[in-house]
Amino acid sequence: MSLSAKQGGVLKGMAIGAAITVVTIVVVILKGPLVLSAEAPVGDRIAFALKADAWLALWLGISVALLARHRFFTPEDIDGGGLTNATETARVLQASLQNTLEQTVLAVLLHVAWAILMPASWLAVIPAVVILFLWGRVSFLRGYRGGAPSRALGFALTFYPSVLMLILVIVRSIENWFG
């Protein structure tokens, strides 16, 4: 089965995003700064993660504001998506907001789990993946109108850090349970 041009474009963006994710996380684990001592209590670890995640909340808020501003200044959309046939811009902003909400929830849950379960020397991964998240969200929104290939890198930079963190958190949990 051969891939369509769109599928090839998506695959390329996703592969680049996956490579950037793996390199970033591995480099930060191996060479990153020690942000908390190994003896830091769990409350300090969670606080560290949530402070970094304030940036995710900021982007989520920006996403809400972009849609709200558009609706306010666009008579066709002012009544909201439930009462109108939304304009293309409203549909794009709504889709981006929905995806951002989904990605934010997943990321925050994993960042807290990471902060609790992983070695203190690995906690610098959290701000590193927050930077990837923000880069990914900007890229996703800017590329949205260009179709799936144009937003694939942005999606990957947002989603793949969570996937890799999830895998490592699960491995660590299994080690803790059975190790």
Protein backbone atom coordinates (compact mmCIF):
# COMPACT_ATOMS: atom_id res chain seq x y z
CA MET A 1 0.00 0.00 0.00
CA SER A 2 1.45 3.34 -1.01
CA LEU A 3 0.85 6.49 0.97
CA SER A 4 -0.97 9.51 -0.40
CA ALA A 5 0.87 12.83 -0.51
CA LYS A 6 -1.00 13.93 2.61
CA GLN A 7 -0.14 10.75 4.46
CA GLY A 8 3.51 11.16 3.47
CA GLY A 9 3.48 14.75 4.74
CA VAL A 10 1.91 13.68 8.02
CA LEU A 11 4.41 10.85 8.40
CA LYS A 12 7.30 13.26 7.81
CA GLY A 13 6.01 15.76 10.38
CA MET A 14 5.33 13.05 12.93
CA ALA A 15 8.76 11.47 12.41
CA ILE A 16 10.51 14.80 12.86
CA GLY A 17 8.44 15.48 16.00
CA ALA A 18 9.21 12.03 17.38
CA ALA A 19 12.94 12.48 16.76
CA ILE A 20 12.97 15.92 18.41
CA THR A 21 11.06 14.47 21.38
CA VAL A 22 13.37 11.52 21.91
CA VAL A 23 16.53 13.59 21.54
CA THR A 24 15.23 16.28 23.90
CA ILE A 25 14.18 13.87 26.62
CA VAL A 26 17.32 11.72 26.38
CA VAL A 27 19.66 14.73 26.39
CA VAL A 28 17.88 16.31 29.36
CA ILE A 29 17.97 13.03 31.30
CA LEU A 30 21.69 12.56 30.58
CA LYS A 31 22.92 16.15 30.73
CA GLY A 32 20.14 18.27 32.15
CA PRO A 33 20.47 20.41 35.24
CA LEU A 34 19.56 19.09 38.66
CA VAL A 35 16.51 21.18 39.51
CA LEU A 36 15.65 19.59 42.88
CA SER A 37 17.67 17.57 45.33
CA ALA A 38 17.23 13.82 45.44
CA GLU A 39 15.70 14.25 48.91
CA ALA A 40 13.06 16.75 47.78
CA PRO A 41 9.69 15.83 49.27
CA VAL A 42 6.89 14.81 46.96
CA GLY A 43 5.09 18.11 47.55
CA ASP A 44 8.07 20.04 46.21
CA ARG A 45 8.23 17.77 43.17
CA ILE A 46 4.54 18.27 42.40
CA ALA A 47 4.88 22.03 42.93
CA PHE A 48 7.79 22.06 40.47
CA ALA A 49 5.69 20.28 37.84
CA LEU A 50 2.67 22.51 38.34
CA LYS A 51 4.77 25.67 38.13
CA ALA A 52 6.07 24.51 34.75
CA ASP A 53 2.55 23.55 33.72
CA ALA A 54 1.33 27.09 34.31
CA TRP A 55 2.67 27.70 30.78
CA LEU A 56 0.33 25.03 29.44
CA ALA A 57 -2.55 26.73 31.23
CA LEU A 58 -1.47 30.02 29.66
CA TRP A 59 -1.64 28.52 26.16
CA LEU A 60 -5.02 26.95 26.93
CA GLY A 61 -6.23 30.37 28.07
CA ILE A 62 -4.87 31.97 24.91
CA SER A 63 -6.73 29.36 22.85
CA VAL A 64 -9.99 30.20 24.64
CA ALA A 65 -9.36 33.92 24.17
CA LEU A 66 -8.64 33.58 20.45
CA LEU A 67 -11.96 31.87 19.86
CA ALA A 68 -13.86 34.26 22.14
CA ARG A 69 -12.37 37.30 20.44
CA HIS A 70 -13.21 35.90 17.02
CA ARG A 71 -16.78 35.19 18.06
CA PHE A 72 -17.23 38.66 19.56
CA PHE A 73 -16.08 40.42 16.41
CA THR A 74 -17.79 38.08 13.91
CA PRO A 75 -21.57 38.50 13.74
CA GLU A 76 -22.02 35.03 12.17
CA ASP A 77 -20.27 33.40 15.14
CA ILE A 78 -21.24 35.58 18.11
CA ASP A 79 -23.96 33.18 19.29
CA GLY A 80 -21.47 30.31 19.59
CA GLY A 81 -20.97 26.98 17.91
CA GLY A 82 -24.08 25.41 19.41
CA LEU A 83 -26.40 27.96 17.82
CA THR A 84 -24.76 28.74 14.49
CA ASN A 85 -23.12 27.12 11.51
CA ALA A 86 -19.66 28.33 12.43
CA THR A 87 -17.39 30.14 9.99
CA GLU A 88 -14.22 28.40 8.89
CA THR A 89 -12.15 30.51 11.28
CA ALA A 90 -14.39 29.61 14.22
CA ARG A 91 -14.21 25.91 13.29
CA VAL A 92 -10.40 26.05 13.10
CA LEU A 93 -10.10 27.89 16.43
CA GLN A 94 -12.60 25.50 18.07
CA ALA A 95 -10.76 22.43 16.76
CA SER A 96 -7.43 23.82 17.94
CA LEU A 97 -8.92 24.66 21.35
CA GLN A 98 -10.39 21.17 21.70
CA ASN A 99 -7.10 19.52 20.79
CA THR A 100 -5.20 21.85 23.12
CA LEU A 101 -7.53 20.96 25.99
CA GLU A 102 -7.02 17.25 25.37
CA GLN A 103 -3.25 17.61 25.12
CA THR A 104 -3.09 19.83 28.22
CA VAL A 105 -4.98 17.36 30.40
CA LEU A 106 -2.79 14.47 29.28
CA ALA A 107 0.42 16.46 29.73
CA VAL A 108 -0.40 17.79 33.19
CA LEU A 109 -1.35 14.34 34.46
CA LEU A 110 1.89 12.89 33.14
CA HIS A 111 4.02 15.73 34.44
CA VAL A 112 2.65 15.18 37.95
CA ALA A 113 3.18 11.41 37.69
CA TRP A 114 6.70 12.05 36.38
CA ALA A 115 7.44 14.41 39.26
CA ILE A 116 6.32 11.80 41.78
CA LEU A 117 7.79 8.64 40.27
CA MET A 118 10.94 9.50 38.38
CA PRO A 119 14.40 10.24 39.81
CA ALA A 120 14.97 13.84 40.89
CA SER A 121 17.75 14.11 38.33
CA TRP A 122 15.13 13.62 35.60
CA LEU A 123 12.78 16.42 36.68
CA ALA A 124 14.32 18.88 34.22
CA VAL A 125 12.47 16.89 31.56
CA ILE A 126 9.25 18.64 32.61
CA PRO A 127 10.22 22.20 31.62
CA ALA A 128 11.89 20.82 28.48
CA VAL A 129 8.68 19.14 27.34
CA VAL A 130 6.68 22.24 28.28
CA ILE A 131 8.82 24.13 25.76
CA LEU A 132 8.11 21.42 23.17
CA PHE A 133 4.40 21.70 24.01
CA LEU A 134 4.34 25.45 23.43
CA TRP A 135 6.32 25.14 20.20
CA GLY A 136 3.96 22.39 19.12
CA ARG A 137 0.80 24.34 19.87
CA VAL A 138 1.97 27.40 17.97
CA SER A 139 3.01 25.23 15.04
CA PHE A 140 -0.27 23.29 15.14
CA LEU A 141 -2.42 26.41 15.08
CA ARG A 142 -0.34 28.16 12.42
CA GLY A 143 -0.42 25.08 10.21
CA TYR A 144 -4.03 24.11 10.74
CA ARG A 145 -5.46 25.69 7.58
CA GLY A 146 -2.81 23.90 5.51
CA GLY A 147 -4.26 20.52 6.42
CA ALA A 148 -2.90 17.49 8.23
CA PRO A 149 0.68 17.64 6.86
CA SER A 150 1.01 21.28 7.92
CA ARG A 151 -0.03 20.61 11.50
CA ALA A 152 1.61 17.19 11.97
CA LEU A 153 4.85 18.49 13.47
CA GLY A 154 2.92 20.67 15.91
CA PHE A 155 0.74 17.76 16.96
CA ALA A 156 3.77 15.50 17.35
CA LEU A 157 5.67 18.02 19.50
CA THR A 158 2.67 18.20 21.79
CA PHE A 159 1.67 14.54 21.88
CA TYR A 160 4.87 12.50 21.64
CA PRO A 161 6.48 13.91 24.79
CA SER A 162 3.40 12.75 26.69
CA VAL A 163 3.55 9.33 25.03
CA LEU A 164 7.22 8.84 25.86
CA MET A 165 6.72 10.07 29.41
CA LEU A 166 3.73 7.73 29.79
CA ILE A 167 5.81 4.75 28.69
CA LEU A 168 8.62 5.62 31.09
CA VAL A 169 6.21 6.28 33.97
CA ILE A 170 4.54 2.90 33.40
CA VAL A 171 7.92 1.15 33.30
CA ARG A 172 8.93 2.90 36.53
CA SER A 173 5.61 1.98 38.16
CA ILE A 174 6.06 -1.66 37.24
CA GLU A 175 9.60 -1.59 38.61
CA ASN A 176 8.31 -0.08 41.86
CA TRP A 177 5.56 -2.67 42.18
CA PHE A 178 7.60 -5.72 41.28
CA GLY A 179 11.21 -4.60 41.73
